[in-house]
Amino acid sequence: MSAPLSSKLPWESMNPILASSLNPIISMPQSSGSILRNITLVAGSNTINHGLGRMMQGWTITDLNASATIYRSQPLNSITLTLTASAPCTVNIEVF
């Protein structure tokens, strides 16, 4: 863990301290993701364009309006996310 910041340090000394604290957070995949809102899923297979413009690293359901089991049914790729739902539902999905 980094040393606590002091108000008496000059900027040149604080810059490396701030960088060592912030860089791990900035480099997390979730920092460059987005939320796909109000995605309607049918029971069965659903292909969704994730819009990241790069290889997808993961996804999380952030809102679900029905009792459904949802799982990824194809490998992650640079264009789409394929999910299988056990019942029709509407979801918000964080993609990163």
N, C-alpha and C. Protein backbone atom coordinates (compact mmCIF):
# COMPACT_ATOMS: atom_id res chain seq x y z
N MET A 1 0.84 -1.19 0.00
CA MET A 1 0.00 0.00 0.00
C MET A 1 0.88 1.23 0.00
N SER A 2 0.43 2.28 -0.65
CA SER A 2 1.19 3.51 -0.74
C SER A 2 1.17 4.27 0.57
N ALA A 3 2.18 5.10 0.73
CA ALA A 3 2.24 5.95 1.92
C ALA A 3 1.13 6.99 1.84
N PRO A 4 0.63 7.47 2.99
CA PRO A 4 -0.41 8.49 2.95
C PRO A 4 0.13 9.78 2.32
N LEU A 5 -0.74 10.50 1.65
CA LEU A 5 -0.34 11.75 1.01
C LEU A 5 -0.18 12.84 2.06
N SER A 6 0.79 13.69 1.85
CA SER A 6 1.03 14.82 2.74
C SER A 6 0.77 16.10 1.98
N SER A 7 0.17 17.07 2.62
CA SER A 7 -0.10 18.35 1.96
C SER A 7 1.17 19.16 1.78
N LYS A 8 2.28 18.71 2.36
CA LYS A 8 3.53 19.45 2.27
C LYS A 8 4.46 18.94 1.17
N LEU A 9 4.06 17.89 0.46
CA LEU A 9 4.91 17.37 -0.60
C LEU A 9 4.75 18.20 -1.86
N PRO A 10 5.85 18.50 -2.57
CA PRO A 10 5.71 19.18 -3.85
C PRO A 10 5.11 18.23 -4.89
N TRP A 11 4.54 18.80 -5.95
CA TRP A 11 3.86 18.01 -6.99
C TRP A 11 4.76 16.91 -7.54
N GLU A 12 6.05 17.20 -7.75
CA GLU A 12 6.96 16.20 -8.32
C GLU A 12 7.04 14.96 -7.43
N SER A 13 6.91 15.14 -6.14
CA SER A 13 6.94 14.00 -5.22
C SER A 13 5.59 13.30 -5.14
N MET A 14 4.52 14.06 -5.30
CA MET A 14 3.18 13.48 -5.18
C MET A 14 2.79 12.69 -6.43
N ASN A 15 3.27 13.09 -7.60
CA ASN A 15 2.88 12.45 -8.84
C ASN A 15 3.12 10.94 -8.82
N PRO A 16 4.32 10.44 -8.43
CA PRO A 16 4.50 8.98 -8.39
C PRO A 16 3.61 8.29 -7.36
N ILE A 17 3.34 8.98 -6.26
CA ILE A 17 2.47 8.40 -5.23
C ILE A 17 1.05 8.25 -5.78
N LEU A 18 0.56 9.30 -6.43
CA LEU A 18 -0.78 9.24 -7.02
C LEU A 18 -0.84 8.17 -8.12
N ALA A 19 0.17 8.12 -8.96
CA ALA A 19 0.19 7.14 -10.04
C ALA A 19 0.18 5.72 -9.50
N SER A 20 0.95 5.45 -8.46
CA SER A 20 0.99 4.09 -7.91
C SER A 20 -0.34 3.72 -7.26
N SER A 21 -1.10 4.71 -6.82
CA SER A 21 -2.40 4.43 -6.22
C SER A 21 -3.50 4.30 -7.27
N LEU A 22 -3.46 5.12 -8.31
CA LEU A 22 -4.54 5.16 -9.29
C LEU A 22 -4.36 4.19 -10.45
N ASN A 23 -3.15 3.92 -10.87
CA ASN A 23 -2.93 3.05 -12.04
C ASN A 23 -3.56 1.67 -11.92
N PRO A 24 -3.50 1.00 -10.76
CA PRO A 24 -4.17 -0.31 -10.67
C PRO A 24 -5.69 -0.22 -10.87
N ILE A 25 -6.28 0.86 -10.42
CA ILE A 25 -7.73 1.04 -10.59
C ILE A 25 -8.06 1.34 -12.05
N ILE A 26 -7.28 2.22 -12.67
CA ILE A 26 -7.52 2.60 -14.06
C ILE A 26 -7.32 1.42 -15.01
N SER A 27 -6.41 0.52 -14.67
CA SER A 27 -6.12 -0.60 -15.56
C SER A 27 -7.11 -1.77 -15.43
N MET A 28 -8.06 -1.68 -14.49
CA MET A 28 -9.06 -2.74 -14.35
C MET A 28 -9.95 -2.77 -15.59
N PRO A 29 -10.30 -3.95 -16.10
CA PRO A 29 -11.14 -4.02 -17.31
C PRO A 29 -12.47 -3.29 -17.16
N GLN A 30 -13.04 -3.30 -15.97
CA GLN A 30 -14.33 -2.65 -15.75
C GLN A 30 -14.26 -1.14 -15.97
N SER A 31 -13.06 -0.56 -15.88
CA SER A 31 -12.91 0.89 -16.08
C SER A 31 -13.20 1.31 -17.51
N SER A 32 -13.07 0.40 -18.45
CA SER A 32 -13.30 0.76 -19.85
C SER A 32 -14.50 0.02 -20.43
N GLY A 33 -15.44 -0.34 -19.59
CA GLY A 33 -16.63 -1.04 -20.05
C GLY A 33 -17.80 -0.11 -20.25
N SER A 34 -18.95 -0.72 -20.48
CA SER A 34 -20.18 0.05 -20.62
C SER A 34 -21.36 -0.81 -20.16
N ILE A 35 -22.50 -0.16 -19.98
CA ILE A 35 -23.71 -0.87 -19.57
C ILE A 35 -24.70 -0.85 -20.74
N LEU A 36 -25.11 -2.04 -21.15
CA LEU A 36 -26.14 -2.19 -22.17
C LEU A 36 -27.47 -2.24 -21.43
N ARG A 37 -28.34 -1.28 -21.70
CA ARG A 37 -29.59 -1.14 -20.94
C ARG A 37 -30.80 -1.69 -21.71
N ASN A 38 -31.72 -2.26 -20.93
CA ASN A 38 -33.01 -2.72 -21.46
C ASN A 38 -32.86 -3.69 -22.63
N ILE A 39 -32.02 -4.69 -22.43
CA ILE A 39 -31.83 -5.73 -23.44
C ILE A 39 -32.89 -6.81 -23.20
N THR A 40 -33.71 -7.06 -24.19
CA THR A 40 -34.76 -8.07 -24.09
C THR A 40 -34.18 -9.42 -24.51
N LEU A 41 -34.28 -10.39 -23.62
CA LEU A 41 -33.82 -11.75 -23.91
C LEU A 41 -35.02 -12.67 -24.06
N VAL A 42 -34.97 -13.55 -25.03
CA VAL A 42 -36.00 -14.58 -25.19
C VAL A 42 -35.50 -15.84 -24.50
N ALA A 43 -36.40 -16.75 -24.21
CA ALA A 43 -35.98 -18.05 -23.68
C ALA A 43 -35.19 -18.76 -24.77
N GLY A 44 -33.97 -19.16 -24.45
CA GLY A 44 -33.09 -19.77 -25.44
C GLY A 44 -31.91 -18.87 -25.73
N SER A 45 -31.35 -19.00 -26.92
CA SER A 45 -30.13 -18.29 -27.29
C SER A 45 -30.39 -16.86 -27.74
N ASN A 46 -29.53 -15.93 -27.31
CA ASN A 46 -29.63 -14.52 -27.65
C ASN A 46 -28.24 -14.00 -28.00
N THR A 47 -28.10 -13.37 -29.16
CA THR A 47 -26.82 -12.79 -29.56
C THR A 47 -26.93 -11.28 -29.48
N ILE A 48 -26.01 -10.66 -28.74
CA ILE A 48 -26.04 -9.23 -28.47
C ILE A 48 -24.74 -8.61 -28.95
N ASN A 49 -24.81 -7.51 -29.69
CA ASN A 49 -23.62 -6.78 -30.09
C ASN A 49 -23.18 -5.96 -28.88
N HIS A 50 -21.97 -6.23 -28.33
CA HIS A 50 -21.55 -5.53 -27.11
C HIS A 50 -20.97 -4.15 -27.37
N GLY A 51 -20.56 -3.83 -28.60
CA GLY A 51 -20.13 -2.48 -28.96
C GLY A 51 -18.82 -2.00 -28.36
N LEU A 52 -18.01 -2.87 -27.81
CA LEU A 52 -16.75 -2.44 -27.20
C LEU A 52 -15.66 -2.13 -28.22
N GLY A 53 -15.74 -2.72 -29.39
CA GLY A 53 -14.73 -2.51 -30.41
C GLY A 53 -13.40 -3.17 -30.09
N ARG A 54 -13.44 -4.15 -29.21
CA ARG A 54 -12.24 -4.90 -28.82
C ARG A 54 -12.69 -6.24 -28.24
N MET A 55 -11.72 -7.08 -27.95
CA MET A 55 -12.04 -8.37 -27.33
C MET A 55 -12.69 -8.14 -25.97
N MET A 56 -13.83 -8.74 -25.77
CA MET A 56 -14.54 -8.63 -24.51
C MET A 56 -13.84 -9.46 -23.45
N GLN A 57 -13.78 -8.95 -22.21
CA GLN A 57 -13.13 -9.67 -21.13
C GLN A 57 -14.10 -10.26 -20.13
N GLY A 58 -15.32 -9.71 -20.06
CA GLY A 58 -16.30 -10.26 -19.14
C GLY A 58 -17.61 -9.50 -19.19
N TRP A 59 -18.57 -9.97 -18.41
CA TRP A 59 -19.90 -9.36 -18.38
C TRP A 59 -20.54 -9.67 -17.03
N THR A 60 -21.49 -8.80 -16.65
CA THR A 60 -22.24 -8.96 -15.41
C THR A 60 -23.66 -8.46 -15.64
N ILE A 61 -24.62 -9.21 -15.15
CA ILE A 61 -26.01 -8.73 -15.17
C ILE A 61 -26.16 -7.74 -14.02
N THR A 62 -26.56 -6.51 -14.34
CA THR A 62 -26.73 -5.50 -13.29
C THR A 62 -28.19 -5.27 -12.93
N ASP A 63 -29.11 -5.74 -13.77
CA ASP A 63 -30.54 -5.64 -13.46
C ASP A 63 -31.26 -6.74 -14.23
N LEU A 64 -32.24 -7.34 -13.59
CA LEU A 64 -33.00 -8.46 -14.18
C LEU A 64 -34.44 -8.34 -13.71
N ASN A 65 -35.40 -8.38 -14.65
CA ASN A 65 -36.79 -8.13 -14.27
C ASN A 65 -37.64 -9.39 -14.13
N ALA A 66 -37.03 -10.57 -14.20
CA ALA A 66 -37.80 -11.81 -14.11
C ALA A 66 -36.94 -12.90 -13.47
N SER A 67 -37.60 -13.97 -13.09
CA SER A 67 -36.87 -15.12 -12.54
C SER A 67 -36.33 -15.93 -13.71
N ALA A 68 -35.03 -15.76 -13.98
CA ALA A 68 -34.42 -16.45 -15.12
C ALA A 68 -32.97 -16.78 -14.79
N THR A 69 -32.51 -17.86 -15.34
CA THR A 69 -31.10 -18.21 -15.28
C THR A 69 -30.48 -17.79 -16.60
N ILE A 70 -29.35 -17.08 -16.52
CA ILE A 70 -28.71 -16.57 -17.74
C ILE A 70 -27.25 -16.99 -17.70
N TYR A 71 -26.79 -17.57 -18.81
CA TYR A 71 -25.38 -17.96 -18.89
C TYR A 71 -24.85 -17.72 -20.29
N ARG A 72 -23.51 -17.55 -20.37
CA ARG A 72 -22.85 -17.34 -21.65
C ARG A 72 -22.76 -18.68 -22.35
N SER A 73 -23.16 -18.72 -23.62
CA SER A 73 -23.20 -19.99 -24.34
C SER A 73 -22.26 -20.05 -25.55
N GLN A 74 -21.44 -19.02 -25.74
CA GLN A 74 -20.42 -19.01 -26.78
C GLN A 74 -19.18 -18.34 -26.19
N PRO A 75 -17.99 -18.63 -26.74
CA PRO A 75 -16.78 -17.96 -26.24
C PRO A 75 -16.86 -16.44 -26.42
N LEU A 76 -16.19 -15.70 -25.55
CA LEU A 76 -16.12 -14.26 -25.67
C LEU A 76 -15.40 -13.91 -26.97
N ASN A 77 -15.84 -12.83 -27.62
CA ASN A 77 -15.18 -12.39 -28.86
C ASN A 77 -15.21 -10.87 -28.95
N SER A 78 -14.77 -10.33 -30.07
CA SER A 78 -14.63 -8.88 -30.21
C SER A 78 -15.89 -8.18 -30.72
N ILE A 79 -16.96 -8.93 -30.99
CA ILE A 79 -18.17 -8.29 -31.55
C ILE A 79 -19.42 -8.59 -30.73
N THR A 80 -19.66 -9.85 -30.39
CA THR A 80 -20.94 -10.23 -29.79
C THR A 80 -20.77 -10.95 -28.46
N LEU A 81 -21.86 -10.97 -27.72
CA LEU A 81 -22.00 -11.75 -26.50
C LEU A 81 -23.22 -12.64 -26.71
N THR A 82 -23.05 -13.95 -26.59
CA THR A 82 -24.17 -14.88 -26.76
C THR A 82 -24.57 -15.42 -25.40
N LEU A 83 -25.80 -15.11 -25.01
CA LEU A 83 -26.34 -15.55 -23.73
C LEU A 83 -27.53 -16.46 -23.95
N THR A 84 -27.68 -17.43 -23.07
CA THR A 84 -28.86 -18.28 -23.07
C THR A 84 -29.65 -17.98 -21.80
N ALA A 85 -30.95 -17.74 -21.96
CA ALA A 85 -31.84 -17.43 -20.85
C ALA A 85 -32.85 -18.55 -20.69
N SER A 86 -33.20 -18.84 -19.44
CA SER A 86 -34.18 -19.89 -19.17
C SER A 86 -35.61 -19.41 -19.33
N ALA A 87 -35.82 -18.08 -19.36
CA ALA A 87 -37.15 -17.50 -19.50
C ALA A 87 -37.02 -16.12 -20.15
N PRO A 88 -38.07 -15.62 -20.75
CA PRO A 88 -38.01 -14.25 -21.30
C PRO A 88 -37.78 -13.24 -20.19
N CYS A 89 -36.96 -12.24 -20.45
CA CYS A 89 -36.67 -11.22 -19.44
C CYS A 89 -36.03 -10.01 -20.10
N THR A 90 -35.94 -8.93 -19.33
CA THR A 90 -35.23 -7.72 -19.75
C THR A 90 -34.11 -7.50 -18.76
N VAL A 91 -32.91 -7.21 -19.27
CA VAL A 91 -31.74 -7.09 -18.41
C VAL A 91 -30.93 -5.85 -18.76
N ASN A 92 -30.13 -5.41 -17.80
CA ASN A 92 -29.03 -4.48 -18.04
C ASN A 92 -27.77 -5.31 -17.88
N ILE A 93 -26.81 -5.15 -18.79
CA ILE A 93 -25.60 -5.95 -18.77
C ILE A 93 -24.39 -5.02 -18.79
N GLU A 94 -23.52 -5.17 -17.80
CA GLU A 94 -22.23 -4.48 -17.85
C GLU A 94 -21.29 -5.34 -18.67
N VAL A 95 -20.70 -4.77 -19.72
CA VAL A 95 -19.73 -5.48 -20.54
C VAL A 95 -18.40 -4.77 -20.42
N PHE A 96 -17.34 -5.55 -20.35
CA PHE A 96 -16.01 -4.96 -20.21
C PHE A 96 -14.97 -5.85 -20.87
